[in-house]
Amino acid sequence: SKICHDHSEDFLESVGKVVAALGGPCDEVKTNLEEANIELQNNTGHMMLSSSIRLERFKHSNARARTLSSMVHACRRVAVLLERARKQAALGRPRSALDAVEEARACLTA
């Protein structure tokens, strides 16, 4: 049968009472159960908690990386548009230059 982690202490206490009442041969069973509980409490639970914390950190890092990637993409787009505007202005095409600047502004405010 499965024993809920929250009730393991109560279970072991009741087992300890039965063992104390029966004496002798049950001492080994009692010791094994206590060792298993210590293993469960210290090693298994701690490892699961640590893994859960790391998973949350990785999720947050992944979200930040995706956000940063989209920001870098938008900055590259603005740089390309501003370079296009500069080239159009150098070629004497003010309308095309203004269109590129407007498109860059739209990228910045989106």
Foldseek 3Di string as FASTA:
>chain_A
DDDDLVCLVVVLVVLVVVCVVVDDPCVVVSVVSVVVNCCCVPPVVVVVVVVVVVVVVVVVVVVVVVVVVVVVVLVVLLVVLQVQLVVCVVVVNNVSSVVSNVVSVVSVVD
